[in-house]
N, C-alpha and C. Protein backbone atom coordinates (compact mmCIF):
# COMPACT_ATOMS: atom_id res chain seq x y z
N UNK A 1 4.95 0.84 13.86
CA UNK A 1 4.29 0.20 13.26
C UNK A 1 3.36 0.30 12.89
N UNK A 2 2.16 -0.14 12.06
CA UNK A 2 0.72 0.08 11.67
C UNK A 2 -0.04 0.52 13.09
N UNK A 3 -0.58 1.47 12.84
CA UNK A 3 -1.31 1.64 13.76
C UNK A 3 -3.13 1.28 13.60
N UNK A 4 -3.43 0.65 14.43
CA UNK A 4 -4.90 -0.33 13.98
C UNK A 4 -5.85 0.54 15.11
N UNK A 5 -5.54 2.45 15.40
CA UNK A 5 -6.74 2.91 16.36
C UNK A 5 -7.73 3.61 14.67
N UNK A 6 -9.25 2.99 15.09
CA UNK A 6 -10.30 3.44 14.00
C UNK A 6 -11.35 3.48 14.76
N UNK A 7 -12.20 4.29 13.70
CA UNK A 7 -13.69 4.47 14.09
C UNK A 7 -14.40 3.10 14.18
N UNK A 8 -13.88 1.98 14.13
CA UNK A 8 -14.44 0.71 13.61
C UNK A 8 -15.75 0.39 13.94
N UNK A 9 -15.65 0.83 15.56
CA UNK A 9 -17.32 0.79 16.33
C UNK A 9 -18.25 1.58 15.13
N UNK A 10 -18.01 2.85 14.46
CA UNK A 10 -18.83 3.96 13.94
C UNK A 10 -18.57 3.27 12.41
N UNK A 11 -17.52 3.13 12.12
CA UNK A 11 -17.58 2.84 10.59
C UNK A 11 -16.82 1.40 10.25
N UNK A 12 -17.91 -0.02 10.67
CA UNK A 12 -16.71 -0.97 10.40
C UNK A 12 -16.17 -1.30 9.06
N UNK A 13 -16.11 -0.52 8.08
CA UNK A 13 -15.44 -0.61 6.72
C UNK A 13 -14.59 0.71 6.43
N UNK A 14 -13.50 0.83 7.71
CA UNK A 14 -12.76 1.87 8.08
C UNK A 14 -11.17 1.22 8.67
N UNK A 15 -10.33 1.73 8.20
CA UNK A 15 -9.11 1.96 9.51
C UNK A 15 -8.18 2.67 9.34
N UNK A 16 -7.51 2.64 9.79
CA UNK A 16 -6.58 4.08 9.71
C UNK A 16 -4.93 3.31 10.28
N UNK A 17 -4.26 4.06 9.52
CA UNK A 17 -2.70 3.42 9.97
C UNK A 17 -1.52 4.92 9.85
N UNK A 18 -0.28 4.67 9.84
CA UNK A 18 0.27 5.87 9.49
C UNK A 18 1.39 5.45 8.63
N UNK A 19 2.01 6.14 8.29
CA UNK A 19 3.22 6.33 6.96
C UNK A 19 4.19 5.81 7.70
N UNK A 20 4.70 4.53 6.70
CA UNK A 20 5.64 3.60 7.49
C UNK A 20 7.18 4.37 8.27
N UNK A 21 7.60 5.66 7.57
CA UNK A 21 8.34 6.67 8.58
C UNK A 21 7.84 6.59 9.92
N UNK A 22 6.50 6.51 10.35
CA UNK A 22 6.62 6.61 11.58
C UNK A 22 6.35 8.49 11.76
N UNK A 23 6.48 8.81 10.71
CA UNK A 23 6.12 10.75 10.77
C UNK A 23 5.45 11.14 9.85
N UNK A 24 4.33 12.12 10.24
CA UNK A 24 3.23 12.77 8.81
C UNK A 24 2.03 12.25 9.62
N UNK A 25 0.76 12.42 8.90
CA UNK A 25 -0.46 12.59 9.35
C UNK A 25 -0.63 11.10 8.77
N UNK A 26 -1.98 10.92 9.77
CA UNK A 26 -2.96 9.37 9.97
C UNK A 26 -2.93 9.22 8.46
N UNK A 27 -3.49 7.43 8.06
CA UNK A 27 -3.89 7.59 6.40
C UNK A 27 -5.33 6.87 6.76
N UNK A 28 -6.18 7.28 6.64
CA UNK A 28 -7.29 6.75 6.43
C UNK A 28 -8.10 6.17 4.94
N UNK A 29 -8.46 4.59 5.30
CA UNK A 29 -8.53 3.72 4.52
C UNK A 29 -10.31 3.47 4.73
N UNK A 30 -11.18 3.64 3.95
CA UNK A 30 -12.51 3.54 3.53
C UNK A 30 -12.59 1.51 2.75
N UNK A 31 -13.10 0.62 3.40
CA UNK A 31 -13.00 -0.25 2.65
C UNK A 31 -14.21 -0.28 1.69
N UNK A 32 -14.59 -0.61 0.61
CA UNK A 32 -15.55 -1.27 -0.27
C UNK A 32 -15.18 -2.14 -1.39
N UNK A 33 -14.62 -3.29 -1.07
CA UNK A 33 -14.35 -4.62 -2.02
C UNK A 33 -14.88 -4.55 -3.20
N UNK A 34 -14.48 -3.90 -4.41
CA UNK A 34 -12.75 -4.59 -4.62
C UNK A 34 -11.89 -3.26 -4.11
N UNK A 35 -12.34 -2.28 -3.70
CA UNK A 35 -11.80 -1.08 -3.48
C UNK A 35 -11.52 -0.60 -2.05
N UNK A 36 -10.75 0.50 -2.13
CA UNK A 36 -10.27 1.32 -1.23
C UNK A 36 -10.25 2.42 -1.20
N UNK A 37 -10.97 3.64 -0.94
CA UNK A 37 -10.79 5.31 -0.61
C UNK A 37 -9.80 5.19 0.30
N UNK A 38 -8.17 5.86 -0.04
CA UNK A 38 -7.19 6.10 0.73
C UNK A 38 -7.24 7.42 0.84
N UNK A 39 -7.16 8.44 2.24
CA UNK A 39 -7.20 9.18 2.22
C UNK A 39 -5.65 10.09 3.34
N UNK A 40 -5.15 10.69 2.49
CA UNK A 40 -3.56 10.99 3.04
C UNK A 40 -3.52 12.63 3.23
N UNK A 41 -3.59 13.30 4.02
CA UNK A 41 -3.21 14.46 4.37
C UNK A 41 -4.21 15.16 2.80
N UNK A 42 -3.64 15.99 1.60
CA UNK A 42 -4.20 16.24 0.53
C UNK A 42 -4.50 15.55 -0.43
N UNK A 43 -4.06 13.99 -0.32
CA UNK A 43 -3.95 13.20 -1.39
C UNK A 43 -5.75 12.59 -0.69
N UNK A 44 -6.15 11.98 -1.86
CA UNK A 44 -7.15 11.37 -1.56
C UNK A 44 -7.50 10.33 -3.01
N UNK A 45 -7.66 9.03 -2.88
CA UNK A 45 -7.07 8.21 -4.05
C UNK A 45 -8.28 7.10 -4.04
N UNK A 46 -8.46 5.93 -5.17
CA UNK A 46 -8.84 4.62 -5.25
C UNK A 46 -7.55 3.74 -5.31
N UNK A 47 -7.84 2.56 -4.49
CA UNK A 47 -6.90 1.73 -4.68
C UNK A 47 -7.53 0.45 -4.88
N UNK A 48 -7.29 0.06 -5.86
CA UNK A 48 -8.23 -1.35 -6.20
C UNK A 48 -7.10 -3.01 -6.16
N UNK A 49 -7.83 -4.08 -6.01
CA UNK A 49 -7.50 -4.96 -5.62
C UNK A 49 -6.87 -5.57 -6.78
N UNK A 50 -7.38 -4.73 -7.83
CA UNK A 50 -6.38 -5.40 -9.14
C UNK A 50 -4.92 -4.84 -9.27
N UNK A 51 -5.10 -3.14 -8.56
CA UNK A 51 -3.72 -2.49 -8.74
C UNK A 51 -2.81 -3.10 -7.33
N UNK A 52 -3.48 -3.56 -6.41
CA UNK A 52 -2.32 -4.22 -4.97
C UNK A 52 -1.71 -5.30 -6.13
N UNK A 53 -2.70 -6.46 -6.64
CA UNK A 53 -2.20 -7.59 -7.48
C UNK A 53 -1.33 -7.34 -8.29
N UNK A 54 -1.15 -6.18 -9.52
CA UNK A 54 -0.09 -5.43 -10.30
C UNK A 54 0.95 -5.31 -9.21
N UNK A 55 0.64 -4.81 -8.23
CA UNK A 55 2.18 -4.22 -7.29
C UNK A 55 2.86 -5.76 -6.66
N UNK A 56 1.37 -6.66 -6.46
CA UNK A 56 2.57 -7.73 -5.75
C UNK A 56 3.37 -8.62 -6.58
N UNK A 57 1.95 -8.67 -7.78
CA UNK A 57 2.57 -9.75 -8.97
C UNK A 57 4.14 -9.17 -9.84
N UNK A 58 3.92 -8.21 -10.39
CA UNK A 58 4.84 -7.01 -10.72
C UNK A 58 6.01 -6.82 -10.03
N UNK A 59 5.90 -5.46 -9.15
CA UNK A 59 7.11 -5.27 -8.65
C UNK A 59 7.66 -6.28 -7.55
N UNK A 60 7.45 -7.02 -6.56
CA UNK A 60 7.86 -7.58 -5.90
C UNK A 60 7.51 -9.07 -6.27
N UNK A 61 8.78 -8.87 -7.40
CA UNK A 61 9.00 -10.68 -8.41
C UNK A 61 9.69 -11.54 -7.41
N UNK A 62 10.51 -11.69 -5.99
CA UNK A 62 10.82 -12.50 -5.64
C UNK A 62 10.68 -12.46 -4.34
N UNK A 63 9.82 -13.33 -4.02
CA UNK A 63 9.51 -13.73 -2.20
C UNK A 63 10.55 -13.98 -1.82
N UNK A 64 10.57 -13.42 -0.57
CA UNK A 64 12.14 -13.18 0.44
C UNK A 64 13.30 -12.45 -0.14
N UNK A 65 12.65 -11.15 -0.78
CA UNK A 65 13.42 -10.37 -1.37
C UNK A 65 13.10 -8.50 -1.21
N UNK A 66 14.39 -8.07 -0.39
CA UNK A 66 13.58 -6.68 0.13
C UNK A 66 13.86 -5.80 -1.20
N UNK A 67 12.79 -4.98 -1.33
CA UNK A 67 12.59 -3.77 -1.98
C UNK A 67 12.74 -2.48 -1.36
N UNK A 68 13.22 -1.36 -1.96
CA UNK A 68 13.26 -0.21 -1.40
C UNK A 68 11.74 0.54 -1.80
N UNK A 69 11.57 1.12 -0.61
CA UNK A 69 10.05 1.84 -1.02
C UNK A 69 10.62 2.98 -2.20
N UNK A 70 11.34 4.11 -1.77
CA UNK A 70 12.08 4.84 -2.85
C UNK A 70 10.96 5.89 -3.07
N UNK A 71 10.43 6.34 -1.88
CA UNK A 71 9.03 7.58 -2.39
C UNK A 71 8.98 9.31 -2.51
N UNK A 72 10.42 9.28 -2.83
CA UNK A 72 10.88 10.66 -2.54
C UNK A 72 10.13 11.08 -3.76
N UNK A 73 9.76 12.12 -3.61
CA UNK A 73 9.12 13.58 -4.89
C UNK A 73 9.89 13.99 -5.44
N UNK A 74 11.08 14.17 -4.97
CA UNK A 74 12.33 14.83 -6.16
C UNK A 74 13.34 13.96 -6.24
N UNK A 75 13.43 12.86 -6.02
CA UNK A 75 14.44 12.00 -6.27
C UNK A 75 14.33 10.57 -5.95
N UNK A 76 13.31 10.02 -6.34
CA UNK A 76 12.39 8.73 -6.08
C UNK A 76 13.66 8.05 -6.35
N UNK A 77 14.34 6.69 -6.15
CA UNK A 77 14.95 5.64 -6.18
C UNK A 77 14.04 5.23 -7.47
N UNK A 78 15.44 4.84 -8.83
CA UNK A 78 14.33 4.08 -9.82
C UNK A 78 14.04 2.77 -10.00
N UNK A 79 14.88 2.07 -8.88
CA UNK A 79 14.48 0.97 -8.47
C UNK A 79 13.10 0.12 -7.41
N UNK A 80 12.85 1.60 -6.90
CA UNK A 80 11.50 1.71 -5.59
C UNK A 80 10.76 1.92 -6.35
N UNK A 81 9.80 1.28 -4.85
CA UNK A 81 8.12 1.37 -5.48
C UNK A 81 7.71 2.69 -5.94
N UNK A 82 8.19 3.61 -5.50
CA UNK A 82 7.84 4.97 -6.10
C UNK A 82 8.14 5.34 -7.41
N UNK A 83 9.00 4.41 -7.46
CA UNK A 83 9.16 4.99 -9.25
C UNK A 83 8.38 3.82 -9.80
N UNK A 84 7.95 2.72 -9.38
CA UNK A 84 6.75 1.55 -9.98
C UNK A 84 5.88 2.00 -10.26
N UNK A 85 5.35 2.73 -8.79
CA UNK A 85 3.92 3.55 -8.85
C UNK A 85 3.64 4.08 -10.08
N UNK A 86 4.66 5.34 -9.83
CA UNK A 86 4.87 6.41 -11.23
C UNK A 86 4.83 5.80 -12.65
N UNK A 87 5.40 4.74 -12.97
CA UNK A 87 5.67 4.49 -14.38
C UNK A 87 4.36 3.11 -14.65
N UNK A 88 3.91 2.93 -13.88
CA UNK A 88 2.46 1.28 -13.45
C UNK A 88 1.48 2.48 -13.56
N UNK A 89 0.94 3.70 -12.91
CA UNK A 89 -0.28 4.12 -12.54
C UNK A 89 0.04 5.36 -12.73
N UNK A 90 0.20 6.03 -14.14
CA UNK A 90 0.28 7.13 -14.79
C UNK A 90 -0.23 8.63 -13.69
N UNK A 91 -1.34 8.37 -13.13
CA UNK A 91 -1.97 9.79 -12.40
C UNK A 91 -1.38 9.65 -11.20
N UNK A 92 -0.81 8.89 -10.58
CA UNK A 92 -0.19 8.46 -9.19
C UNK A 92 1.33 8.67 -9.31
N UNK A 93 1.90 9.76 -8.00
CA UNK A 93 3.55 9.33 -7.86
C UNK A 93 3.68 9.03 -6.86
N UNK A 94 4.91 9.12 -6.78
CA UNK A 94 6.15 8.64 -5.34
C UNK A 94 5.75 8.11 -4.30
N UNK A 95 4.61 9.93 -4.30
CA UNK A 95 4.03 9.95 -2.57
C UNK A 95 3.04 9.19 -2.44
N UNK A 96 2.18 9.08 -3.45
CA UNK A 96 0.96 7.84 -3.49
C UNK A 96 1.56 6.28 -2.86
N UNK A 97 3.05 5.96 -3.10
CA UNK A 97 3.57 4.63 -2.76
C UNK A 97 3.67 4.75 -0.83
N UNK A 98 4.25 5.85 -0.91
CA UNK A 98 4.21 5.81 0.86
C UNK A 98 2.96 5.36 1.46
N UNK A 99 1.31 5.98 1.11
CA UNK A 99 0.26 5.57 1.21
C UNK A 99 -0.18 4.31 1.13
N UNK A 100 0.38 3.76 -0.12
CA UNK A 100 -0.15 2.44 -0.13
C UNK A 100 0.96 1.05 -0.08
N UNK A 101 2.27 1.57 0.57
CA UNK A 101 3.30 0.37 0.93
C UNK A 101 2.32 0.15 2.52
N UNK A 102 1.83 1.54 3.18
CA UNK A 102 1.51 1.31 4.11
C UNK A 102 -0.02 0.51 4.68
N UNK A 103 -0.94 0.77 2.94
CA UNK A 103 -1.78 -0.34 3.53
C UNK A 103 -1.57 -1.67 3.18
N UNK A 104 -0.46 -1.92 2.23
CA UNK A 104 -0.02 -3.59 1.92
C UNK A 104 0.58 -4.22 3.19
N UNK A 105 1.17 -3.20 4.31
CA UNK A 105 1.88 -4.06 5.46
C UNK A 105 0.37 -3.80 6.66
N UNK A 106 -0.46 -2.86 6.55
CA UNK A 106 -1.76 -3.07 7.28
C UNK A 106 -2.76 -4.39 7.15
N UNK A 107 -2.62 -4.60 5.64
CA UNK A 107 -3.38 -5.56 5.48
C UNK A 107 -2.33 -7.05 5.23
N UNK A 108 -1.41 -6.94 5.33
CA UNK A 108 -0.29 -8.28 5.79
C UNK A 108 -0.09 -8.97 4.15
N UNK A 109 0.16 -8.08 3.63
CA UNK A 109 0.46 -7.74 2.30
C UNK A 109 1.97 -8.49 2.03
N UNK A 110 2.80 -7.15 2.64
CA UNK A 110 3.95 -7.10 2.80
C UNK A 110 4.25 -6.76 4.05
N UNK A 111 5.82 -6.48 4.30
CA UNK A 111 6.13 -6.39 5.61
C UNK A 111 7.41 -5.32 5.30
N UNK A 112 7.91 -4.75 6.55
CA UNK A 112 9.02 -3.78 5.85
C UNK A 112 9.90 -3.58 7.06
N UNK A 113 10.66 -3.17 7.13
CA UNK A 113 12.30 -2.70 7.81
C UNK A 113 12.84 -1.43 7.27
N UNK A 114 13.58 -0.61 8.80
CA UNK A 114 14.33 0.47 8.60
C UNK A 114 13.20 1.57 8.32
N UNK A 115 14.42 2.87 8.51
CA UNK A 115 13.58 4.14 8.28
C UNK A 115 14.11 4.65 7.23
N UNK A 116 15.13 4.76 7.05
CA UNK A 116 16.00 5.75 5.37
C UNK A 116 17.00 4.24 5.70
N UNK A 117 16.91 3.97 4.22
CA UNK A 117 15.83 3.59 3.34
C UNK A 117 14.75 2.79 4.39
N UNK A 118 13.54 2.60 3.70
CA UNK A 118 12.29 1.80 4.29
C UNK A 118 12.49 0.48 3.29
N UNK A 119 12.47 -0.33 3.40
CA UNK A 119 12.52 -1.27 2.60
C UNK A 119 11.11 -2.60 2.88
N UNK A 120 10.73 -3.39 2.09
CA UNK A 120 9.21 -4.27 2.15
C UNK A 120 9.69 -5.16 1.30
N UNK A 121 9.03 -6.48 1.88
CA UNK A 121 9.16 -7.78 1.64
C UNK A 121 7.64 -8.51 1.25
N UNK A 122 7.36 -9.22 0.16
CA UNK A 122 6.36 -9.59 0.23
C UNK A 122 6.26 -10.84 0.94
N UNK A 123 5.25 -11.10 1.56
CA UNK A 123 4.51 -12.09 2.38
C UNK A 123 3.38 -12.65 2.00
N UNK A 124 2.86 -11.66 1.33
CA UNK A 124 1.40 -12.54 1.16
C UNK A 124 1.30 -13.90 0.06
N UNK A 125 0.38 -14.55 0.31
CA UNK A 125 0.78 -16.33 -0.52
C UNK A 125 -0.55 -16.32 -1.20
N UNK A 126 -0.34 -17.32 -1.71
CA UNK A 126 -1.47 -17.60 -2.43
C UNK A 126 -3.18 -17.43 -2.18
N UNK A 127 -2.91 -17.60 -0.97
CA UNK A 127 -4.79 -17.34 -0.31
C UNK A 127 -5.14 -16.37 0.02
N UNK A 128 -4.05 -14.80 -0.23
CA UNK A 128 -4.48 -13.20 0.04
C UNK A 128 -4.49 -13.21 -1.54
N UNK A 129 -4.05 -13.69 -1.98
CA UNK A 129 -3.80 -13.42 -3.60
C UNK A 129 -5.70 -13.46 -4.13
N UNK A 130 -5.64 -15.07 -4.04
CA UNK A 130 -6.89 -15.67 -4.31
C UNK A 130 -8.39 -14.69 -3.83
N UNK A 131 -8.04 -14.12 -1.86
CA UNK A 131 -9.42 -13.98 -2.18
C UNK A 131 -8.80 -11.72 -2.71
N UNK A 132 -8.52 -11.46 -2.63
CA UNK A 132 -8.26 -10.19 -3.96
C UNK A 132 -8.88 -10.64 -4.74
N UNK A 133 -9.14 -11.27 -5.91
CA UNK A 133 -9.55 -12.03 -6.71
C UNK A 133 -11.13 -12.17 -6.58
N UNK A 134 -11.30 -13.04 -5.83
CA UNK A 134 -12.46 -13.53 -4.94
C UNK A 134 -13.25 -11.88 -4.98
N UNK A 135 -13.20 -11.35 -4.56
CA UNK A 135 -13.59 -9.77 -3.88
C UNK A 135 -13.63 -9.15 -5.31
N UNK A 136 -12.95 -9.21 -6.18
CA UNK A 136 -12.97 -8.29 -7.50
C UNK A 136 -13.93 -9.18 -8.76
N UNK A 137 -14.70 -10.34 -8.43
CA UNK A 137 -15.53 -10.89 -9.01
C UNK A 137 -16.92 -11.13 -8.21
N UNK A 138 -16.79 -10.84 -7.23
CA UNK A 138 -18.27 -10.70 -6.56
C UNK A 138 -18.70 -9.07 -6.59
N UNK A 139 -17.64 -7.97 -6.68
CA UNK A 139 -18.20 -6.52 -7.16
C UNK A 139 -19.24 -6.74 -8.58
């Protein structure tokens, strides 16, 4: 599960987590609402609230349904989040989906189960979605 070990005493707008596979390098997230700077190995990218809302509203269409992560670089599942990320955000690859999924789990937007395959389910409600919008408007 997600590790909440962070330099929070040093950097209160930062947290770390692990890939949902339980393997690999630590993912570090610096918060500057409505953006997150995500650092994972050689990946460094911004994840905005708008992107998160797009993922939650467009990929996770039905609450209560489990969806595949499908973040393989060589053969991502066409129905998985990895393919959705690649198609929706052209500068991103299915690998980004692994880090994004870990962020979504850590921040309470989705839950996950399994290791092979990893499946995701939306748990965010109206309150969480409204918070994302409010942060965008305040920026």
